[in-house]
């Protein structure tokens, strides 16, 4: 298990770092901050997207290591999106 922990950590770090460095995401964060009139901060958007990508890549690596079917992960992801959409404030949706 200890060997796999390093693989998961590497996948998470690569996903997080490359997303945080993405210039287009910086621009999207600034535009969202302007459009939301101060309700959303651009850096928070960048951080949350980077965490989401990092977690997604880590889950993908886990799926490859374990050999699970991708269908379960896609269904779980859609259920999570539906739940978060129902719980999110109106101005975000």
PDB file of N, CA and C in Angstrom:
ATOM      1  N   UNK A   1       0.836  -1.210   0.000  1.00  0.00           N
ATOM      2  CA  UNK A   1       0.000   0.000   0.000  1.00  0.00           C
ATOM      3  C   UNK A   1       0.864   1.250   0.000  1.00  0.00           C
ATOM      4  N   UNK A   2       1.993   1.202   0.676  1.00  0.00           N
ATOM      5  CA  UNK A   2       2.856   2.377   0.778  1.00  0.00           C
ATOM      6  C   UNK A   2       3.356   2.831  -0.593  1.00  0.00           C
ATOM      7  N   UNK A   3       3.647   1.888  -1.474  1.00  0.00           N
ATOM      8  CA  UNK A   3       4.103   2.242  -2.823  1.00  0.00           C
ATOM      9  C   UNK A   3       3.000   2.960  -3.581  1.00  0.00           C
ATOM     10  N   UNK A   4       1.777   2.466  -3.465  1.00  0.00           N
ATOM     11  CA  UNK A   4       0.656   3.088  -4.175  1.00  0.00           C
ATOM     12  C   UNK A   4       0.351   4.479  -3.633  1.00  0.00           C
ATOM     13  N   UNK A   5       0.611   4.697  -2.353  1.00  0.00           N
ATOM     14  CA  UNK A   5       0.370   6.019  -1.770  1.00  0.00           C
ATOM     15  C   UNK A   5       1.181   7.079  -2.496  1.00  0.00           C
ATOM     16  N   UNK A   6       2.406   6.768  -2.851  1.00  0.00           N
ATOM     17  CA  UNK A   6       3.244   7.718  -3.581  1.00  0.00           C
ATOM     18  C   UNK A   6       2.701   7.974  -4.986  1.00  0.00           C
ATOM     19  N   UNK A   7       2.140   6.957  -5.613  1.00  0.00           N
ATOM     20  CA  UNK A   7       1.547   7.121  -6.941  1.00  0.00           C
ATOM     21  C   UNK A   7       0.336   8.044  -6.851  1.00  0.00           C
ATOM     22  N   UNK A   8      -0.511   7.817  -5.842  1.00  0.00           N
ATOM     23  CA  UNK A   8      -1.683   8.671  -5.649  1.00  0.00           C
ATOM     24  C   UNK A   8      -1.275  10.111  -5.346  1.00  0.00           C
ATOM     25  N   UNK A   9      -0.287  10.284  -4.499  1.00  0.00           N
ATOM     26  CA  UNK A   9       0.188  11.621  -4.149  1.00  0.00           C
ATOM     27  C   UNK A   9       0.762  12.333  -5.366  1.00  0.00           C
ATOM     28  N   UNK A  10       1.511  11.610  -6.178  1.00  0.00           N
ATOM     29  CA  UNK A  10       2.071  12.191  -7.397  1.00  0.00           C
ATOM     30  C   UNK A  10       0.959  12.614  -8.352  1.00  0.00           C
ATOM     31  N   UNK A  11      -0.037  11.765  -8.544  1.00  0.00           N
ATOM     32  CA  UNK A  11      -1.157  12.090  -9.431  1.00  0.00           C
ATOM     33  C   UNK A  11      -1.888  13.333  -8.935  1.00  0.00           C
ATOM     34  N   UNK A  12      -2.134  13.401  -7.629  1.00  0.00           N
ATOM     35  CA  UNK A  12      -2.820  14.560  -7.054  1.00  0.00           C
ATOM     36  C   UNK A  12      -2.010  15.835  -7.281  1.00  0.00           C
ATOM     37  N   UNK A  13      -0.721  15.778  -6.997  1.00  0.00           N
ATOM     38  CA  UNK A  13       0.138  16.971  -7.122  1.00  0.00           C
ATOM     39  C   UNK A  13       0.252  17.440  -8.572  1.00  0.00           C
ATOM     40  N   UNK A  14       0.389  16.508  -9.497  1.00  0.00           N
ATOM     41  CA  UNK A  14       0.470  16.883 -10.915  1.00  0.00           C
ATOM     42  C   UNK A  14      -0.829  17.543 -11.365  1.00  0.00           C
ATOM     43  N   UNK A  15      -1.956  16.963 -10.998  1.00  0.00           N
ATOM     44  CA  UNK A  15      -3.242  17.550 -11.375  1.00  0.00           C
ATOM     45  C   UNK A  15      -3.438  18.932 -10.783  1.00  0.00           C
ATOM     46  N   UNK A  16      -3.083  19.088  -9.511  1.00  0.00           N
ATOM     47  CA  UNK A  16      -3.264  20.374  -8.840  1.00  0.00           C
ATOM     48  C   UNK A  16      -2.337  21.437  -9.427  1.00  0.00           C
ATOM     49  N   UNK A  17      -1.067  21.104  -9.571  1.00  0.00           N
ATOM     50  CA  UNK A  17      -0.077  22.092 -10.026  1.00  0.00           C
ATOM     51  C   UNK A  17      -0.336  22.541 -11.460  1.00  0.00           C
ATOM     52  N   UNK A  18      -0.639  21.613 -12.337  1.00  0.00           N
ATOM     53  CA  UNK A  18      -0.860  22.009 -13.732  1.00  0.00           C
ATOM     54  C   UNK A  18      -2.131  22.839 -13.885  1.00  0.00           C
ATOM     55  N   UNK A  19      -3.128  22.563 -13.092  1.00  0.00           N
ATOM     56  CA  UNK A  19      -4.366  23.339 -13.171  1.00  0.00           C
ATOM     57  C   UNK A  19      -4.173  24.741 -12.596  1.00  0.00           C
ATOM     58  N   UNK A  20      -3.473  24.858 -11.491  1.00  0.00           N
ATOM     59  CA  UNK A  20      -3.225  26.176 -10.902  1.00  0.00           C
ATOM     60  C   UNK A  20      -2.402  27.055 -11.837  1.00  0.00           C
ATOM     61  N   UNK A  21      -1.544  26.446 -12.648  1.00  0.00           N
ATOM     62  CA  UNK A  21      -0.686  27.206 -13.549  1.00  0.00           C
ATOM     63  C   UNK A  21      -1.360  27.527 -14.879  1.00  0.00           C
ATOM     64  N   UNK A  22      -2.555  27.054 -15.091  1.00  0.00           N
ATOM     65  CA  UNK A  22      -3.247  27.244 -16.373  1.00  0.00           C
ATOM     66  C   UNK A  22      -3.665  28.705 -16.558  1.00  0.00           C
ATOM     67  N   UNK A  23      -3.122  29.386 -17.573  1.00  0.00           N
ATOM     68  CA  UNK A  23      -3.462  30.801 -17.789  1.00  0.00           C
ATOM     69  C   UNK A  23      -4.939  31.043 -18.104  1.00  0.00           C
ATOM     70  N   UNK A  24      -5.563  30.125 -18.826  1.00  0.00           N
ATOM     71  CA  UNK A  24      -6.980  30.302 -19.164  1.00  0.00           C
ATOM     72  C   UNK A  24      -7.845  30.271 -17.909  1.00  0.00           C
ATOM     73  N   UNK A  25      -7.478  29.456 -16.934  1.00  0.00           N
ATOM     74  CA  UNK A  25      -8.243  29.387 -15.690  1.00  0.00           C
ATOM     75  C   UNK A  25      -8.097  30.678 -14.887  1.00  0.00           C
ATOM     76  N   UNK A  26      -6.942  31.294 -14.961  1.00  0.00           N
ATOM     77  CA  UNK A  26      -6.746  32.582 -14.298  1.00  0.00           C
ATOM     78  C   UNK A  26      -7.689  33.620 -14.906  1.00  0.00           C
ATOM     79  N   UNK A  27      -7.785  33.626 -16.226  1.00  0.00           N
ATOM     80  CA  UNK A  27      -8.669  34.581 -16.909  1.00  0.00           C
ATOM     81  C   UNK A  27     -10.138  34.298 -16.585  1.00  0.00           C
ATOM     82  N   UNK A  28     -10.523  33.029 -16.548  1.00  0.00           N
ATOM     83  CA  UNK A  28     -11.905  32.666 -16.222  1.00  0.00           C
ATOM     84  C   UNK A  28     -12.236  33.094 -14.799  1.00  0.00           C
ATOM     85  N   UNK A  29     -11.306  32.914 -13.882  1.00  0.00           N
ATOM     86  CA  UNK A  29     -11.516  33.342 -12.497  1.00  0.00           C
ATOM     87  C   UNK A  29     -11.730  34.839 -12.389  1.00  0.00           C
ATOM     88  N   UNK A  30     -10.949  35.601 -13.144  1.00  0.00           N
ATOM     89  CA  UNK A  30     -11.110  37.051 -13.121  1.00  0.00           C
ATOM     90  C   UNK A  30     -12.452  37.470 -13.720  1.00  0.00           C
ATOM     91  N   UNK A  31     -12.840  36.836 -14.799  1.00  0.00           N
ATOM     92  CA  UNK A  31     -14.126  37.159 -15.423  1.00  0.00           C
ATOM     93  C   UNK A  31     -15.295  36.785 -14.523  1.00  0.00           C
ATOM     94  N   UNK A  32     -15.202  35.648 -13.856  1.00  0.00           N
ATOM     95  CA  UNK A  32     -16.271  35.231 -12.948  1.00  0.00           C
ATOM     96  C   UNK A  32     -16.370  36.179 -11.767  1.00  0.00           C
ATOM     97  N   UNK A  33     -15.231  36.651 -11.292  1.00  0.00           N
ATOM     98  CA  UNK A  33     -15.227  37.601 -10.182  1.00  0.00           C
ATOM     99  C   UNK A  33     -15.913  38.909 -10.582  1.00  0.00           C
ATOM    100  N   UNK A  34     -15.635  39.375 -11.791  1.00  0.00           N
ATOM    101  CA  UNK A  34     -16.270  40.600 -12.288  1.00  0.00           C
ATOM    102  C   UNK A  34     -17.769  40.396 -12.518  1.00  0.00           C
ATOM    103  N   UNK A  35     -18.136  39.256 -13.080  1.00  0.00           N
ATOM    104  CA  UNK A  35     -19.539  38.997 -13.401  1.00  0.00           C
ATOM    105  C   UNK A  35     -20.386  38.787 -12.150  1.00  0.00           C
ATOM    106  N   UNK A  36     -19.793  38.256 -11.091  1.00  0.00           N
ATOM    107  CA  UNK A  36     -20.550  37.954  -9.876  1.00  0.00           C
ATOM    108  C   UNK A  36     -20.620  39.133  -8.926  1.00  0.00           C
ATOM    109  N   UNK A  37     -20.048  40.241  -9.289  1.00  0.00           N
ATOM    110  CA  UNK A  37     -20.108  41.472  -8.486  1.00  0.00           C
ATOM    111  C   UNK A  37     -19.644  41.255  -7.048  1.00  0.00           C
ATOM    112  N   UNK A  38     -18.498  40.570  -6.898  1.00  0.00           N
ATOM    113  CA  UNK A  38     -17.914  40.418  -5.576  1.00  0.00           C
ATOM    114  C   UNK A  38     -18.402  39.226  -4.769  1.00  0.00           C
ATOM    115  N   UNK A  39     -19.339  38.454  -5.286  1.00  0.00           N
ATOM    116  CA  UNK A  39     -19.842  37.288  -4.544  1.00  0.00           C
ATOM    117  C   UNK A  39     -18.902  36.092  -4.653  1.00  0.00           C
ATOM    118  N   UNK A  40     -18.081  36.069  -5.702  1.00  0.00           N
ATOM    119  CA  UNK A  40     -17.154  34.967  -5.939  1.00  0.00           C
ATOM    120  C   UNK A  40     -15.758  35.546  -6.128  1.00  0.00           C
ATOM    121  N   UNK A  41     -14.762  34.905  -5.531  1.00  0.00           N
ATOM    122  CA  UNK A  41     -13.382  35.344  -5.705  1.00  0.00           C
ATOM    123  C   UNK A  41     -12.695  34.461  -6.743  1.00  0.00           C
ATOM    124  N   UNK A  42     -11.947  35.096  -7.635  1.00  0.00           N
ATOM    125  CA  UNK A  42     -11.275  34.370  -8.706  1.00  0.00           C
ATOM    126  C   UNK A  42     -10.285  33.338  -8.200  1.00  0.00           C
ATOM    127  N   UNK A  43      -9.553  33.670  -7.155  1.00  0.00           N
ATOM    128  CA  UNK A  43      -8.572  32.719  -6.624  1.00  0.00           C
ATOM    129  C   UNK A  43      -9.232  31.505  -5.993  1.00  0.00           C
ATOM    130  N   UNK A  44     -10.405  31.705  -5.404  1.00  0.00           N
ATOM    131  CA  UNK A  44     -11.135  30.575  -4.820  1.00  0.00           C
ATOM    132  C   UNK A  44     -11.601  29.639  -5.936  1.00  0.00           C
ATOM    133  N   UNK A  45     -12.040  30.204  -7.044  1.00  0.00           N
ATOM    134  CA  UNK A  45     -12.446  29.385  -8.187  1.00  0.00           C
ATOM    135  C   UNK A  45     -11.264  28.566  -8.689  1.00  0.00           C
ATOM    136  N   UNK A  46     -10.105  29.210  -8.840  1.00  0.00           N
ATOM    137  CA  UNK A  46      -8.905  28.499  -9.284  1.00  0.00           C
ATOM    138  C   UNK A  46      -8.562  27.360  -8.332  1.00  0.00           C
ATOM    139  N   UNK A  47      -8.619  27.627  -7.043  1.00  0.00           N
ATOM    140  CA  UNK A  47      -8.275  26.617  -6.048  1.00  0.00           C
ATOM    141  C   UNK A  47      -9.249  25.440  -6.090  1.00  0.00           C
ATOM    142  N   UNK A  48     -10.541  25.727  -6.167  1.00  0.00           N
ATOM    143  CA  UNK A  48     -11.539  24.659  -6.193  1.00  0.00           C
ATOM    144  C   UNK A  48     -11.462  23.829  -7.469  1.00  0.00           C
ATOM    145  N   UNK A  49     -11.239  24.490  -8.604  1.00  0.00           N
ATOM    146  CA  UNK A  49     -11.091  23.745  -9.853  1.00  0.00           C
ATOM    147  C   UNK A  49      -9.833  22.877  -9.803  1.00  0.00           C
ATOM    148  N   UNK A  50      -8.741  23.425  -9.278  1.00  0.00           N
ATOM    149  CA  UNK A  50      -7.498  22.653  -9.176  1.00  0.00           C
ATOM    150  C   UNK A  50      -7.668  21.453  -8.244  1.00  0.00           C
ATOM    151  N   UNK A  51      -8.383  21.637  -7.139  1.00  0.00           N
ATOM    152  CA  UNK A  51      -8.648  20.512  -6.245  1.00  0.00           C
ATOM    153  C   UNK A  51      -9.517  19.463  -6.929  1.00  0.00           C
ATOM    154  N   UNK A  52     -10.508  19.911  -7.673  1.00  0.00           N
ATOM    155  CA  UNK A  52     -11.373  18.983  -8.395  1.00  0.00           C
ATOM    156  C   UNK A  52     -10.612  18.175  -9.437  1.00  0.00           C
ATOM    157  N   UNK A  53      -9.750  18.837 -10.177  1.00  0.00           N
ATOM    158  CA  UNK A  53      -8.945  18.131 -11.183  1.00  0.00           C
ATOM    159  C   UNK A  53      -7.998  17.147 -10.504  1.00  0.00           C
ATOM    160  N   UNK A  54      -7.367  17.596  -9.422  1.00  0.00           N
ATOM    161  CA  UNK A  54      -6.432  16.727  -8.701  1.00  0.00           C
ATOM    162  C   UNK A  54      -7.138  15.489  -8.148  1.00  0.00           C
ATOM    163  N   UNK A  55      -8.309  15.679  -7.574  1.00  0.00           N
ATOM    164  CA  UNK A  55      -9.076  14.545  -7.054  1.00  0.00           C
ATOM    165  C   UNK A  55      -9.526  13.636  -8.200  1.00  0.00           C
ATOM    166  N   UNK A  56      -9.955  14.241  -9.310  1.00  0.00           N
ATOM    167  CA  UNK A  56     -10.379  13.456 -10.467  1.00  0.00           C
ATOM    168  C   UNK A  56      -9.256  12.609 -11.040  1.00  0.00           C
ATOM    169  N   UNK A  57      -8.068  13.183 -11.155  1.00  0.00           N
ATOM    170  CA  UNK A  57      -6.928  12.424 -11.663  1.00  0.00           C
ATOM    171  C   UNK A  57      -6.555  11.315 -10.693  1.00  0.00           C
ATOM    172  N   UNK A  58      -6.602  11.613  -9.398  1.00  0.00           N
ATOM    173  CA  UNK A  58      -6.285  10.598  -8.399  1.00  0.00           C
ATOM    174  C   UNK A  58      -7.292   9.447  -8.448  1.00  0.00           C
ATOM    175  N   UNK A  59      -8.564   9.768  -8.616  1.00  0.00           N
ATOM    176  CA  UNK A  59      -9.583   8.718  -8.745  1.00  0.00           C
ATOM    177  C   UNK A  59      -9.353   7.912 -10.024  1.00  0.00           C
ATOM    178  N   UNK A  60      -8.968   8.592 -11.106  1.00  0.00           N
ATOM    179  CA  UNK A  60      -8.663   7.880 -12.350  1.00  0.00           C
ATOM    180  C   UNK A  60      -7.492   6.929 -12.201  1.00  0.00           C
ATOM    181  N   UNK A  61      -6.457   7.369 -11.497  1.00  0.00           N
ATOM    182  CA  UNK A  61      -5.313   6.499 -11.241  1.00  0.00           C
ATOM    183  C   UNK A  61      -5.741   5.310 -10.386  1.00  0.00           C
ATOM    184  N   UNK A  62      -6.580   5.567  -9.390  1.00  0.00           N
ATOM    185  CA  UNK A  62      -7.085   4.465  -8.543  1.00  0.00           C
ATOM    186  C   UNK A  62      -7.876   3.461  -9.371  1.00  0.00           C
ATOM    187  N   UNK A  63      -8.691   3.966 -10.282  1.00  0.00           N
ATOM    188  CA  UNK A  63      -9.483   3.078 -11.135  1.00  0.00           C
ATOM    189  C   UNK A  63      -8.573   2.191 -11.978  1.00  0.00           C
ATOM    190  N   UNK A  64      -7.500   2.764 -12.495  1.00  0.00           N
ATOM    191  CA  UNK A  64      -6.561   1.986 -13.301  1.00  0.00           C
ATOM    192  C   UNK A  64      -5.857   0.930 -12.450  1.00  0.00           C
ATOM    193  N   UNK A  65      -5.434   1.324 -11.255  1.00  0.00           N
ATOM    194  CA  UNK A  65      -4.720   0.393 -10.378  1.00  0.00           C
ATOM    195  C   UNK A  65      -5.615  -0.764  -9.952  1.00  0.00           C
ATOM    196  N   UNK A  66      -6.845  -0.448  -9.558  1.00  0.00           N
ATOM    197  CA  UNK A  66      -7.769  -1.471  -9.059  1.00  0.00           C
ATOM    198  C   UNK A  66      -8.381  -2.272 -10.199  1.00  0.00           C
ATOM    199  N   UNK A  67      -8.587  -1.630 -11.351  1.00  0.00           N
ATOM    200  CA  UNK A  67      -9.180  -2.307 -12.497  1.00  0.00           C
ATOM    201  C   UNK A  67     -10.689  -2.249 -12.528  1.00  0.00           C
ATOM    202  N   UNK A  68     -11.276  -1.279 -11.824  1.00  0.00           N
ATOM    203  CA  UNK A  68     -12.737  -1.137 -11.805  1.00  0.00           C
ATOM    204  C   UNK A  68     -13.275  -0.677 -13.154  1.00  0.00           C
ATOM    205  N   UNK A  69     -14.571  -0.865 -13.328  1.00  0.00           N
ATOM    206  CA  UNK A  69     -15.258  -0.368 -14.514  1.00  0.00           C
ATOM    207  C   UNK A  69     -15.459   1.135 -14.389  1.00  0.00           C
ATOM    208  N   UNK A  70     -15.308   1.836 -15.478  1.00  0.00           N
ATOM    209  CA  UNK A  70     -15.434   3.297 -15.459  1.00  0.00           C
ATOM    210  C   UNK A  70     -16.885   3.740 -15.254  1.00  0.00           C
ATOM    211  N   UNK A  71     -17.830   2.871 -15.543  1.00  0.00           N
ATOM    212  CA  UNK A  71     -19.242   3.234 -15.425  1.00  0.00           C
ATOM    213  C   UNK A  71     -19.610   3.653 -13.993  1.00  0.00           C
ATOM    214  N   UNK A  72     -19.068   2.963 -13.019  1.00  0.00           N
ATOM    215  CA  UNK A  72     -19.385   3.298 -11.632  1.00  0.00           C
ATOM    216  C   UNK A  72     -18.899   4.697 -11.273  1.00  0.00           C
ATOM    217  N   UNK A  73     -17.750   5.063 -11.773  1.00  0.00           N
ATOM    218  CA  UNK A  73     -17.190   6.381 -11.475  1.00  0.00           C
ATOM    219  C   UNK A  73     -17.966   7.487 -12.181  1.00  0.00           C
ATOM    220  N   UNK A  74     -18.388   7.234 -13.402  1.00  0.00           N
ATOM    221  CA  UNK A  74     -19.165   8.234 -14.141  1.00  0.00           C
ATOM    222  C   UNK A  74     -20.527   8.444 -13.484  1.00  0.00           C
ATOM    223  N   UNK A  75     -21.193   7.365 -13.102  1.00  0.00           N
ATOM    224  CA  UNK A  75     -22.494   7.482 -12.430  1.00  0.00           C
ATOM    225  C   UNK A  75     -22.339   8.214 -11.101  1.00  0.00           C
ATOM    226  N   UNK A  76     -21.308   7.870 -10.337  1.00  0.00           N
ATOM    227  CA  UNK A  76     -21.055   8.572  -9.076  1.00  0.00           C
ATOM    228  C   UNK A  76     -20.791  10.047  -9.283  1.00  0.00           C
ATOM    229  N   UNK A  77     -20.053  10.388 -10.321  1.00  0.00           N
ATOM    230  CA  UNK A  77     -19.780  11.785 -10.621  1.00  0.00           C
ATOM    231  C   UNK A  77     -21.039  12.560 -10.975  1.00  0.00           C
ATOM    232  N   UNK A  78     -21.885  11.957 -11.792  1.00  0.00           N
ATOM    233  CA  UNK A  78     -23.141  12.619 -12.150  1.00  0.00           C
ATOM    234  C   UNK A  78     -24.043  12.807 -10.935  1.00  0.00           C
ATOM    235  N   UNK A  79     -24.102  11.817 -10.070  1.00  0.00           N
ATOM    236  CA  UNK A  79     -24.914  11.949  -8.859  1.00  0.00           C
ATOM    237  C   UNK A  79     -24.384  13.074  -7.963  1.00  0.00           C
ATOM    238  N   UNK A  80     -23.067  13.184  -7.873  1.00  0.00           N
ATOM    239  CA  UNK A  80     -22.470  14.265  -7.095  1.00  0.00           C
ATOM    240  C   UNK A  80     -22.798  15.629  -7.696  1.00  0.00           C
ATOM    241  N   UNK A  81     -22.733  15.747  -9.010  1.00  0.00           N
ATOM    242  CA  UNK A  81     -23.060  17.018  -9.677  1.00  0.00           C
ATOM    243  C   UNK A  81     -24.523  17.386  -9.449  1.00  0.00           C
ATOM    244  N   UNK A  82     -25.412  16.425  -9.538  1.00  0.00           N
ATOM    245  CA  UNK A  82     -26.837  16.701  -9.307  1.00  0.00           C
ATOM    246  C   UNK A  82     -27.064  17.165  -7.876  1.00  0.00           C
ATOM    247  N   UNK A  83     -26.420  16.510  -6.924  1.00  0.00           N
ATOM    248  CA  UNK A  83     -26.554  16.899  -5.522  1.00  0.00           C
ATOM    249  C   UNK A  83     -26.004  18.305  -5.282  1.00  0.00           C
ATOM    250  N   UNK A  84     -24.839  18.593  -5.812  1.00  0.00           N
ATOM    251  CA  UNK A  84     -24.244  19.918  -5.612  1.00  0.00           C
ATOM    252  C   UNK A  84     -25.051  21.014  -6.306  1.00  0.00           C
ATOM    253  N   UNK A  85     -25.631  20.699  -7.448  1.00  0.00           N
ATOM    254  CA  UNK A  85     -26.482  21.676  -8.135  1.00  0.00           C
ATOM    255  C   UNK A  85     -27.711  21.998  -7.299  1.00  0.00           C
ATOM    256  N   UNK A  86     -28.278  20.999  -6.659  1.00  0.00           N
ATOM    257  CA  UNK A  86     -29.460  21.220  -5.825  1.00  0.00           C
ATOM    258  C   UNK A  86     -29.100  22.042  -4.577  1.00  0.00           C
ATOM    259  N   UNK A  87     -27.877  21.907  -4.067  1.00  0.00           N
ATOM    260  CA  UNK A  87     -27.474  22.595  -2.849  1.00  0.00           C
ATOM    261  C   UNK A  87     -26.833  23.964  -3.091  1.00  0.00           C
ATOM    262  N   UNK A  88     -26.427  24.234  -4.328  1.00  0.00           N
ATOM    263  CA  UNK A  88     -25.699  25.475  -4.623  1.00  0.00           C
ATOM    264  C   UNK A  88     -26.626  26.686  -4.597  1.00  0.00           C
ATOM    265  N   UNK A  89     -26.075  27.844  -4.249  1.00  0.00           N
ATOM    266  CA  UNK A  89     -26.874  29.075  -4.302  1.00  0.00           C
ATOM    267  C   UNK A  89     -27.327  29.365  -5.743  1.00  0.00           C
ATOM    268  N   UNK A  90     -28.426  30.050  -5.853  1.00  0.00           N
ATOM    269  CA  UNK A  90     -29.041  30.325  -7.147  1.00  0.00           C
ATOM    270  C   UNK A  90     -28.108  31.076  -8.101  1.00  0.00           C
ATOM    271  N   UNK A  91     -27.324  32.025  -7.579  1.00  0.00           N
ATOM    272  CA  UNK A  91     -26.467  32.835  -8.453  1.00  0.00           C
ATOM    273  C   UNK A  91     -25.309  32.026  -9.041  1.00  0.00           C
ATOM    274  N   UNK A  92     -25.003  30.882  -8.454  1.00  0.00           N
ATOM    275  CA  UNK A  92     -23.956  30.035  -9.012  1.00  0.00           C
ATOM    276  C   UNK A  92     -24.525  29.137 -10.116  1.00  0.00           C
ATOM    277  N   UNK A  93     -25.717  28.631  -9.892  1.00  0.00           N
ATOM    278  CA  UNK A  93     -26.336  27.743 -10.883  1.00  0.00           C
ATOM    279  C   UNK A  93     -26.721  28.536 -12.108  1.00  0.00           C
TER     280      UNK A  93
END
